[in-house]
Amino acid sequence: MNNSRRNFFKKGVMAGVGGLLFPQVAGAIAEKQQATTNPGIKLSDNSIILFQGDSITDCNRDRNNGNFNAIEQLGNGYVLFIASQLLDKYASKQLKIYNRGISGNKVYQLRERWEQDCLALQLDVLSILIGVNDHWHSLSGEYKGTAADYERDYRELLTYTKEKQPAIQLVICEPFVVEGGASIEKEKWFPAFNEYRAIARRLADEFNAIFVPFQAAFDEALKKAPARYWAYDGVHPDLPARQLMADVWMKVTGLK
């Protein structure tokens, strides 16, 4: 990279980042959200926590490693950032944290593996981030599902989960994109994608789940730095975005 390009990139990023503190963004989002969510996650000794979703959750985890709290099975995304905070802050509780996200998944594909990759773990806390592929893959024609299918399948999945494990504490994360990312053609994504976000929020209310407003967090973050800083393609978070997601999740769940 030549000096002029390097300096341009550095100036563009640092000018946007000036003064950005992840906890401040997360705290502001959490403060707005707490008025409409339940009091927060309650952890007990040996609580079992599972993160489910698509590539954003998966984030290169080793799917052959099923050990809780293992770096390899947690991946290198927001789940690892959350797990490291939880395992530090709540060390005396001896938490068991799993990641079972799979790249490319849509909500109906979660159901296909739910018995083994969710219910068999006998969870205390279940956090789900799903939905971006349900829309994205429909744009290329490789998937024929609609927002209505997403809502039906998601509701059925949550209903089944609560029937099998009534005491489970649910966290529903808002599907999001970072506008300005390389893969986000605004006229194709919006306003259609907004319906998926609205569905996730509606289901969180319906199932008394904590709702994590990731889209609001990234909309706020874009005031501080451009899309390429957070997620080059607009879908898959880069390093600072993973930290931001973790901070928002921890704040909104009341665990920070």
C-alpha atoms as a PDB file:
ATOM      1  CA  MET A   1       0.000   0.000   0.000  1.00  0.00           C
ATOM      2  CA  ASN A   2       1.529   3.349  -0.989  1.00  0.00           C
ATOM      3  CA  ASN A   3       1.863   6.203   1.485  1.00  0.00           C
ATOM      4  CA  SER A   4      -0.883   8.347  -0.022  1.00  0.00           C
ATOM      5  CA  ARG A   5      -3.400   5.510   0.109  1.00  0.00           C
ATOM      6  CA  ARG A   6      -2.314   4.559   3.617  1.00  0.00           C
ATOM      7  CA  ASN A   7      -2.635   8.130   4.835  1.00  0.00           C
ATOM      8  CA  PHE A   8      -6.029   8.525   3.175  1.00  0.00           C
ATOM      9  CA  PHE A   9      -7.321   5.395   4.853  1.00  0.00           C
ATOM     10  CA  LYS A  10      -5.876   6.335   8.206  1.00  0.00           C
ATOM     11  CA  LYS A  11      -7.322   9.839   8.081  1.00  0.00           C
ATOM     12  CA  GLY A  12     -10.734   8.562   6.965  1.00  0.00           C
ATOM     13  CA  VAL A  13     -10.971   6.038   9.753  1.00  0.00           C
ATOM     14  CA  MET A  14      -9.461   8.055  12.557  1.00  0.00           C
ATOM     15  CA  ALA A  15     -11.454  11.169  11.768  1.00  0.00           C
ATOM     16  CA  GLY A  16     -14.643   9.167  12.103  1.00  0.00           C
ATOM     17  CA  VAL A  17     -13.525   7.297  15.184  1.00  0.00           C
ATOM     18  CA  GLY A  18     -12.458  10.385  17.134  1.00  0.00           C
ATOM     19  CA  GLY A  19     -13.717  10.089  20.670  1.00  0.00           C
ATOM     20  CA  LEU A  20     -15.684   6.880  20.105  1.00  0.00           C
ATOM     21  CA  LEU A  21     -16.014   4.808  23.232  1.00  0.00           C
ATOM     22  CA  PHE A  22     -17.801   1.474  22.809  1.00  0.00           C
ATOM     23  CA  PRO A  23     -19.294   1.546  26.325  1.00  0.00           C
ATOM     24  CA  GLN A  24     -20.840   4.951  25.649  1.00  0.00           C
ATOM     25  CA  VAL A  25     -22.568   3.765  22.487  1.00  0.00           C
ATOM     26  CA  ALA A  26     -23.668   0.537  24.169  1.00  0.00           C
ATOM     27  CA  GLY A  27     -24.874   2.385  27.246  1.00  0.00           C
ATOM     28  CA  ALA A  28     -26.968   4.813  25.228  1.00  0.00           C
ATOM     29  CA  ILE A  29     -28.602   2.003  23.280  1.00  0.00           C
ATOM     30  CA  ALA A  30     -29.227  -0.027  26.434  1.00  0.00           C
ATOM     31  CA  GLU A  31     -30.809   2.903  28.234  1.00  0.00           C
ATOM     32  CA  LYS A  32     -33.343   3.314  25.443  1.00  0.00           C
ATOM     33  CA  GLN A  33     -34.041  -0.404  25.292  1.00  0.00           C
ATOM     34  CA  GLN A  34     -34.411  -1.212  28.974  1.00  0.00           C
ATOM     35  CA  ALA A  35     -37.737   0.583  29.197  1.00  0.00           C
ATOM     36  CA  THR A  36     -39.295  -2.005  26.875  1.00  0.00           C
ATOM     37  CA  THR A  37     -37.554  -5.219  27.931  1.00  0.00           C
ATOM     38  CA  ASN A  38     -37.709  -7.487  30.948  1.00  0.00           C
ATOM     39  CA  PRO A  39     -35.324  -6.801  33.863  1.00  0.00           C
ATOM     40  CA  GLY A  40     -32.430  -8.813  32.483  1.00  0.00           C
ATOM     41  CA  ILE A  41     -30.764 -12.207  32.482  1.00  0.00           C
ATOM     42  CA  LYS A  42     -30.380 -13.969  35.812  1.00  0.00           C
ATOM     43  CA  LEU A  43     -27.379 -16.251  36.125  1.00  0.00           C
ATOM     44  CA  SER A  44     -27.045 -19.086  38.603  1.00  0.00           C
ATOM     45  CA  ASP A  45     -24.120 -21.329  39.420  1.00  0.00           C
ATOM     46  CA  ASN A  46     -23.246 -23.493  36.420  1.00  0.00           C
ATOM     47  CA  SER A  47     -25.662 -21.662  34.120  1.00  0.00           C
ATOM     48  CA  ILE A  48     -25.509 -22.915  30.523  1.00  0.00           C
ATOM     49  CA  ILE A  49     -25.567 -20.257  27.797  1.00  0.00           C
ATOM     50  CA  LEU A  50     -25.916 -20.910  24.065  1.00  0.00           C
ATOM     51  CA  PHE A  51     -25.440 -18.577  21.106  1.00  0.00           C
ATOM     52  CA  GLN A  52     -27.221 -19.555  17.897  1.00  0.00           C
ATOM     53  CA  GLY A  53     -27.315 -18.033  14.447  1.00  0.00           C
ATOM     54  CA  ASP A  54     -25.549 -17.765  11.107  1.00  0.00           C
ATOM     55  CA  SER A  55     -22.030 -16.750  10.019  1.00  0.00           C
ATOM     56  CA  ILE A  56     -21.986 -13.665  12.249  1.00  0.00           C
ATOM     57  CA  THR A  57     -22.315 -15.986  15.246  1.00  0.00           C
ATOM     58  CA  ASP A  58     -20.339 -18.885  13.764  1.00  0.00           C
ATOM     59  CA  CYS A  59     -17.325 -16.708  12.897  1.00  0.00           C
ATOM     60  CA  ASN A  60     -14.921 -19.532  12.041  1.00  0.00           C
ATOM     61  CA  ARG A  61     -15.589 -21.642  15.116  1.00  0.00           C
ATOM     62  CA  ASP A  62     -14.302 -25.221  15.132  1.00  0.00           C
ATOM     63  CA  ARG A  63     -17.472 -27.281  14.699  1.00  0.00           C
ATOM     64  CA  ASN A  64     -15.625 -30.421  15.742  1.00  0.00           C
ATOM     65  CA  ASN A  65     -14.923 -28.970  19.173  1.00  0.00           C
ATOM     66  CA  GLY A  66     -17.958 -29.329  21.419  1.00  0.00           C
ATOM     67  CA  ASN A  67     -16.320 -28.239  24.662  1.00  0.00           C
ATOM     68  CA  PHE A  68     -17.913 -25.360  26.505  1.00  0.00           C
ATOM     69  CA  ASN A  69     -15.760 -22.237  27.053  1.00  0.00           C
ATOM     70  CA  ALA A  70     -13.179 -23.447  24.532  1.00  0.00           C
ATOM     71  CA  ILE A  71     -11.803 -20.658  22.358  1.00  0.00           C
ATOM     72  CA  GLU A  72     -11.919 -22.923  19.311  1.00  0.00           C
ATOM     73  CA  GLN A  73     -15.645 -23.639  19.631  1.00  0.00           C
ATOM     74  CA  LEU A  74     -16.550 -20.054  20.507  1.00  0.00           C
ATOM     75  CA  GLY A  75     -15.172 -18.689  17.221  1.00  0.00           C
ATOM     76  CA  ASN A  76     -13.543 -15.282  16.861  1.00  0.00           C
ATOM     77  CA  GLY A  77     -16.608 -13.058  16.696  1.00  0.00           C
ATOM     78  CA  TYR A  78     -18.915 -11.277  19.115  1.00  0.00           C
ATOM     79  CA  VAL A  79     -19.613 -14.540  20.967  1.00  0.00           C
ATOM     80  CA  LEU A  80     -15.973 -14.797  22.036  1.00  0.00           C
ATOM     81  CA  PHE A  81     -16.017 -11.157  23.178  1.00  0.00           C
ATOM     82  CA  ILE A  82     -19.156 -11.765  25.252  1.00  0.00           C
ATOM     83  CA  ALA A  83     -17.894 -15.055  26.654  1.00  0.00           C
ATOM     84  CA  SER A  84     -14.605 -13.544  27.788  1.00  0.00           C
ATOM     85  CA  GLN A  85     -16.469 -10.837  29.707  1.00  0.00           C
ATOM     86  CA  LEU A  86     -18.944 -13.250  31.270  1.00  0.00           C
ATOM     87  CA  LEU A  87     -16.300 -15.765  32.306  1.00  0.00           C
ATOM     88  CA  ASP A  88     -14.245 -13.014  33.889  1.00  0.00           C
ATOM     89  CA  LYS A  89     -17.022 -11.134  35.671  1.00  0.00           C
ATOM     90  CA  TYR A  90     -18.911 -14.216  36.837  1.00  0.00           C
ATOM     91  CA  ALA A  91     -15.982 -16.560  37.455  1.00  0.00           C
ATOM     92  CA  SER A  92     -17.444 -17.855  40.709  1.00  0.00           C
ATOM     93  CA  LYS A  93     -20.559 -19.086  38.875  1.00  0.00           C
ATOM     94  CA  GLN A  94     -18.576 -21.442  36.633  1.00  0.00           C
ATOM     95  CA  LEU A  95     -20.660 -20.669  33.546  1.00  0.00           C
ATOM     96  CA  LYS A  96     -20.740 -22.993  30.545  1.00  0.00           C
ATOM     97  CA  ILE A  97     -20.895 -21.142  27.224  1.00  0.00           C
ATOM     98  CA  TYR A  98     -21.476 -22.680  23.798  1.00  0.00           C
ATOM     99  CA  ASN A  99     -21.580 -21.413  20.217  1.00  0.00           C
ATOM    100  CA  ARG A 100     -23.607 -23.369  17.664  1.00  0.00           C
ATOM    101  CA  GLY A 101     -23.958 -20.784  14.892  1.00  0.00           C
ATOM    102  CA  ILE A 102     -23.568 -22.096  11.336  1.00  0.00           C
ATOM    103  CA  SER A 103     -22.612 -19.913   8.405  1.00  0.00           C
ATOM    104  CA  GLY A 104     -25.348 -19.444   5.823  1.00  0.00           C
ATOM    105  CA  ASN A 105     -28.195 -20.523   8.068  1.00  0.00           C
ATOM    106  CA  LYS A 106     -31.676 -19.147   7.754  1.00  0.00           C
ATOM    107  CA  VAL A 107     -34.253 -19.506  10.484  1.00  0.00           C
ATOM    108  CA  TYR A 108     -35.802 -22.712   9.143  1.00  0.00           C
ATOM    109  CA  GLN A 109     -32.362 -24.345   9.164  1.00  0.00           C
ATOM    110  CA  LEU A 110     -32.049 -23.740  12.891  1.00  0.00           C
ATOM    111  CA  ARG A 111     -35.120 -25.931  13.394  1.00  0.00           C
ATOM    112  CA  GLU A 112     -33.546 -28.762  11.395  1.00  0.00           C
ATOM    113  CA  ARG A 113     -30.740 -29.071  13.965  1.00  0.00           C
ATOM    114  CA  TRP A 114     -32.510 -27.775  17.066  1.00  0.00           C
ATOM    115  CA  GLU A 115     -32.714 -31.019  19.035  1.00  0.00           C
ATOM    116  CA  GLN A 116     -28.964 -31.648  18.987  1.00  0.00           C
ATOM    117  CA  ASP A 117     -27.629 -28.099  18.744  1.00  0.00           C
ATOM    118  CA  CYS A 118     -29.919 -26.509  21.296  1.00  0.00           C
ATOM    119  CA  LEU A 119     -32.330 -28.535  23.402  1.00  0.00           C
ATOM    120  CA  ALA A 120     -29.872 -31.325  24.190  1.00  0.00           C
ATOM    121  CA  LEU A 121     -27.718 -28.812  26.070  1.00  0.00           C
ATOM    122  CA  GLN A 122     -30.477 -28.159  28.660  1.00  0.00           C
ATOM    123  CA  LEU A 123     -29.980 -24.429  28.548  1.00  0.00           C
ATOM    124  CA  ASP A 124     -30.538 -21.640  30.997  1.00  0.00           C
ATOM    125  CA  VAL A 125     -29.984 -18.844  28.456  1.00  0.00           C
ATOM    126  CA  LEU A 126     -30.475 -18.919  24.688  1.00  0.00           C
ATOM    127  CA  SER A 127     -29.349 -16.016  22.478  1.00  0.00           C
ATOM    128  CA  ILE A 128     -30.378 -16.054  18.796  1.00  0.00           C
ATOM    129  CA  LEU A 129     -29.203 -13.819  15.972  1.00  0.00           C
ATOM    130  CA  ILE A 130     -30.824 -14.863  12.688  1.00  0.00           C
ATOM    131  CA  GLY A 131     -32.432 -13.168   9.723  1.00  0.00           C
ATOM    132  CA  VAL A 132     -29.916 -11.469   7.469  1.00  0.00           C
ATOM    133  CA  ASN A 133     -29.610 -14.526   5.208  1.00  0.00           C
ATOM    134  CA  ASP A 134     -33.386 -14.931   5.075  1.00  0.00           C
ATOM    135  CA  HIS A 135     -33.450 -11.696   3.108  1.00  0.00           C
ATOM    136  CA  TRP A 136     -29.983 -11.661   1.504  1.00  0.00           C
ATOM    137  CA  HIS A 137     -30.293 -15.114  -0.061  1.00  0.00           C
ATOM    138  CA  SER A 138     -33.679 -14.222  -1.512  1.00  0.00           C
ATOM    139  CA  LEU A 139     -32.052 -11.379  -3.467  1.00  0.00           C
ATOM    140  CA  SER A 140     -29.922 -13.828  -5.454  1.00  0.00           C
ATOM    141  CA  GLY A 141     -32.820 -16.169  -6.125  1.00  0.00           C
ATOM    142  CA  GLU A 142     -31.222 -19.085  -4.265  1.00  0.00           C
ATOM    143  CA  TYR A 143     -33.907 -18.919  -1.581  1.00  0.00           C
ATOM    144  CA  LYS A 144     -37.625 -18.346  -2.101  1.00  0.00           C
ATOM    145  CA  GLY A 145     -38.553 -17.516   1.484  1.00  0.00           C
ATOM    146  CA  THR A 146     -40.313 -14.304   2.468  1.00  0.00           C
ATOM    147  CA  ALA A 147     -40.585 -12.196   5.598  1.00  0.00           C
ATOM    148  CA  ALA A 148     -43.845 -14.025   6.334  1.00  0.00           C
ATOM    149  CA  ASP A 149     -41.993 -17.355   6.194  1.00  0.00           C
ATOM    150  CA  TYR A 150     -39.337 -15.964   8.510  1.00  0.00           C
ATOM    151  CA  GLU A 151     -41.929 -14.887  11.053  1.00  0.00           C
ATOM    152  CA  ARG A 152     -43.863 -18.158  10.907  1.00  0.00           C
ATOM    153  CA  ASP A 153     -40.755 -20.343  11.205  1.00  0.00           C
ATOM    154  CA  TYR A 154     -39.239 -18.195  13.949  1.00  0.00           C
ATOM    155  CA  ARG A 155     -42.449 -18.183  15.997  1.00  0.00           C
ATOM    156  CA  GLU A 156     -42.793 -21.952  15.658  1.00  0.00           C
ATOM    157  CA  LEU A 157     -39.178 -22.430  16.738  1.00  0.00           C
ATOM    158  CA  LEU A 158     -39.599 -20.246  19.823  1.00  0.00           C
ATOM    159  CA  THR A 159     -42.919 -21.853  20.719  1.00  0.00           C
ATOM    160  CA  TYR A 160     -41.396 -25.325  20.504  1.00  0.00           C
ATOM    161  CA  THR A 161     -38.389 -24.254  22.557  1.00  0.00           C
ATOM    162  CA  LYS A 162     -40.538 -22.833  25.355  1.00  0.00           C
ATOM    163  CA  GLU A 163     -42.723 -25.922  25.359  1.00  0.00           C
ATOM    164  CA  LYS A 164     -39.698 -28.160  25.823  1.00  0.00           C
ATOM    165  CA  GLN A 165     -37.829 -25.890  28.260  1.00  0.00           C
ATOM    166  CA  PRO A 166     -40.301 -23.433  29.856  1.00  0.00           C
ATOM    167  CA  ALA A 167     -37.742 -21.826  32.174  1.00  0.00           C
ATOM    168  CA  ILE A 168     -35.293 -20.907  29.430  1.00  0.00           C
ATOM    169  CA  GLN A 169     -34.316 -17.229  29.271  1.00  0.00           C
ATOM    170  CA  LEU A 170     -34.453 -15.913  25.714  1.00  0.00           C
ATOM    171  CA  VAL A 171     -32.391 -13.196  24.062  1.00  0.00           C
ATOM    172  CA  ILE A 172     -33.478 -12.250  20.540  1.00  0.00           C
ATOM    173  CA  CYS A 173     -30.919 -10.186  18.649  1.00  0.00           C
ATOM    174  CA  GLU A 174     -31.991  -7.849  15.892  1.00  0.00           C
ATOM    175  CA  PRO A 175     -30.749  -8.773  12.410  1.00  0.00           C
ATOM    176  CA  PHE A 176     -28.794  -5.833  11.026  1.00  0.00           C
ATOM    177  CA  VAL A 177     -26.717  -4.475   8.180  1.00  0.00           C
ATOM    178  CA  VAL A 178     -24.221  -1.632   8.073  1.00  0.00           C
ATOM    179  CA  GLU A 179     -25.367   0.772   5.382  1.00  0.00           C
ATOM    180  CA  GLY A 180     -22.574   1.744   3.031  1.00  0.00           C
ATOM    181  CA  GLY A 181     -20.987  -1.708   3.125  1.00  0.00           C
ATOM    182  CA  ALA A 182     -19.898  -3.218  -0.177  1.00  0.00           C
ATOM    183  CA  SER A 183     -22.709  -5.797  -0.339  1.00  0.00           C
ATOM    184  CA  ILE A 184     -25.534  -3.491   0.662  1.00  0.00           C
ATOM    185  CA  GLU A 185     -27.350  -2.120  -2.372  1.00  0.00           C
ATOM    186  CA  LYS A 186     -29.806   0.159  -0.654  1.00  0.00           C
ATOM    187  CA  GLU A 187     -32.611  -0.158  -3.179  1.00  0.00           C
ATOM    188  CA  LYS A 188     -32.516  -3.968  -2.895  1.00  0.00           C
ATOM    189  CA  TRP A 189     -32.235  -4.164   0.873  1.00  0.00           C
ATOM    190  CA  PHE A 190     -34.633  -1.451   1.931  1.00  0.00           C
ATOM    191  CA  PRO A 191     -37.356  -1.092   2.941  1.00  0.00           C
ATOM    192  CA  ALA A 192     -37.838  -4.882   2.715  1.00  0.00           C
ATOM    193  CA  PHE A 193     -35.182  -5.746   5.300  1.00  0.00           C
ATOM    194  CA  ASN A 194     -36.827  -3.510   7.870  1.00  0.00           C
ATOM    195  CA  GLU A 195     -39.663  -6.020   8.121  1.00  0.00           C
ATOM    196  CA  TYR A 196     -37.286  -8.746   9.308  1.00  0.00           C
ATOM    197  CA  ARG A 197     -36.024  -6.438  12.013  1.00  0.00           C
ATOM    198  CA  ALA A 198     -39.584  -5.575  13.037  1.00  0.00           C
ATOM    199  CA  ILE A 199     -40.480  -9.255  13.220  1.00  0.00           C
ATOM    200  CA  ALA A 200     -37.569 -10.008  15.551  1.00  0.00           C
ATOM    201  CA  ARG A 201     -38.669  -7.196  17.858  1.00  0.00           C
ATOM    202  CA  ARG A 202     -42.294  -8.350  17.739  1.00  0.00           C
ATOM    203  CA  LEU A 203     -41.326 -11.910  18.634  1.00  0.00           C
ATOM    204  CA  ALA A 204     -39.153 -10.696  21.490  1.00  0.00           C
ATOM    205  CA  ASP A 205     -42.187  -8.931  22.954  1.00  0.00           C
ATOM    206  CA  GLU A 206     -44.409 -11.938  22.338  1.00  0.00           C
ATOM    207  CA  PHE A 207     -42.071 -14.382  24.081  1.00  0.00           C
ATOM    208  CA  ASN A 208     -40.932 -12.027  26.861  1.00  0.00           C
ATOM    209  CA  ALA A 209     -37.403 -12.156  25.517  1.00  0.00           C
ATOM    210  CA  ILE A 210     -34.709  -9.531  25.837  1.00  0.00           C
ATOM    211  CA  PHE A 211     -34.337  -7.707  22.528  1.00  0.00           C
ATOM    212  CA  VAL A 212     -30.852  -6.591  21.488  1.00  0.00           C
ATOM    213  CA  PRO A 213     -31.142  -3.643  19.050  1.00  0.00           C
ATOM    214  CA  PHE A 214     -28.031  -4.174  16.967  1.00  0.00           C
ATOM    215  CA  GLN A 215     -29.291  -2.044  14.082  1.00  0.00           C
ATOM    216  CA  ALA A 216     -29.677   0.969  16.332  1.00  0.00           C
ATOM    217  CA  ALA A 217     -26.162   0.378  17.637  1.00  0.00           C
ATOM    218  CA  PHE A 218     -24.649   0.358  14.158  1.00  0.00           C
ATOM    219  CA  ASP A 219     -26.703   3.331  13.031  1.00  0.00           C
ATOM    220  CA  GLU A 220     -25.204   5.215  15.963  1.00  0.00           C
ATOM    221  CA  ALA A 221     -21.737   3.837  15.269  1.00  0.00           C
ATOM    222  CA  LEU A 222     -21.859   5.129  11.691  1.00  0.00           C
ATOM    223  CA  LYS A 223     -21.890   8.638  13.114  1.00  0.00           C
ATOM    224  CA  LYS A 224     -18.406   7.917  14.463  1.00  0.00           C
ATOM    225  CA  ALA A 225     -16.750   5.930  11.694  1.00  0.00           C
ATOM    226  CA  PRO A 226     -17.576   4.820   8.125  1.00  0.00           C
ATOM    227  CA  ALA A 227     -19.021   1.449   7.168  1.00  0.00           C
ATOM    228  CA  ARG A 228     -15.629   0.027   6.126  1.00  0.00           C
ATOM    229  CA  TYR A 229     -14.464   0.404   9.741  1.00  0.00           C
ATOM    230  CA  TRP A 230     -17.317  -1.681  11.131  1.00  0.00           C
ATOM    231  CA  ALA A 231     -18.111  -4.201   8.397  1.00  0.00           C
ATOM    232  CA  TYR A 232     -16.522  -3.925   4.976  1.00  0.00           C
ATOM    233  CA  ASP A 233     -19.287  -5.855   3.225  1.00  0.00           C
ATOM    234  CA  GLY A 234     -21.991  -4.408   5.464  1.00  0.00           C
ATOM    235  CA  VAL A 235     -22.966  -7.827   6.824  1.00  0.00           C
ATOM    236  CA  HIS A 236     -20.002  -9.476   8.535  1.00  0.00           C
ATOM    237  CA  PRO A 237     -18.628  -7.431  11.450  1.00  0.00           C
ATOM    238  CA  ASP A 238     -14.961  -6.555  11.573  1.00  0.00           C
ATOM    239  CA  LEU A 239     -12.995  -6.403  14.816  1.00  0.00           C
ATOM    240  CA  PRO A 240     -14.361  -3.156  16.321  1.00  0.00           C
ATOM    241  CA  ALA A 241     -17.905  -4.145  15.376  1.00  0.00           C
ATOM    242  CA  ARG A 242     -17.559  -7.424  17.236  1.00  0.00           C
ATOM    243  CA  GLN A 243     -16.554  -5.550  20.362  1.00  0.00           C
ATOM    244  CA  LEU A 244     -19.459  -3.143  19.912  1.00  0.00           C
ATOM    245  CA  MET A 245     -21.915  -6.034  19.562  1.00  0.00           C
ATOM    246  CA  ALA A 246     -20.575  -7.635  22.718  1.00  0.00           C
ATOM    247  CA  ASP A 247     -20.877  -4.413  24.695  1.00  0.00           C
ATOM    248  CA  VAL A 248     -24.444  -3.815  23.520  1.00  0.00           C
ATOM    249  CA  TRP A 249     -25.424  -7.418  24.307  1.00  0.00           C
ATOM    250  CA  MET A 250     -23.894  -7.230  27.772  1.00  0.00           C
ATOM    251  CA  LYS A 251     -25.542  -3.888  28.538  1.00  0.00           C
ATOM    252  CA  VAL A 252     -29.012  -4.768  27.306  1.00  0.00           C
ATOM    253  CA  THR A 253     -29.066  -8.117  29.106  1.00  0.00           C
ATOM    254  CA  GLY A 254     -28.049  -6.380  32.326  1.00  0.00           C
ATOM    255  CA  LEU A 255     -24.912  -8.466  32.698  1.00  0.00           C
ATOM    256  CA  LYS A 256     -22.295  -5.736  32.262  1.00  0.00           C
END
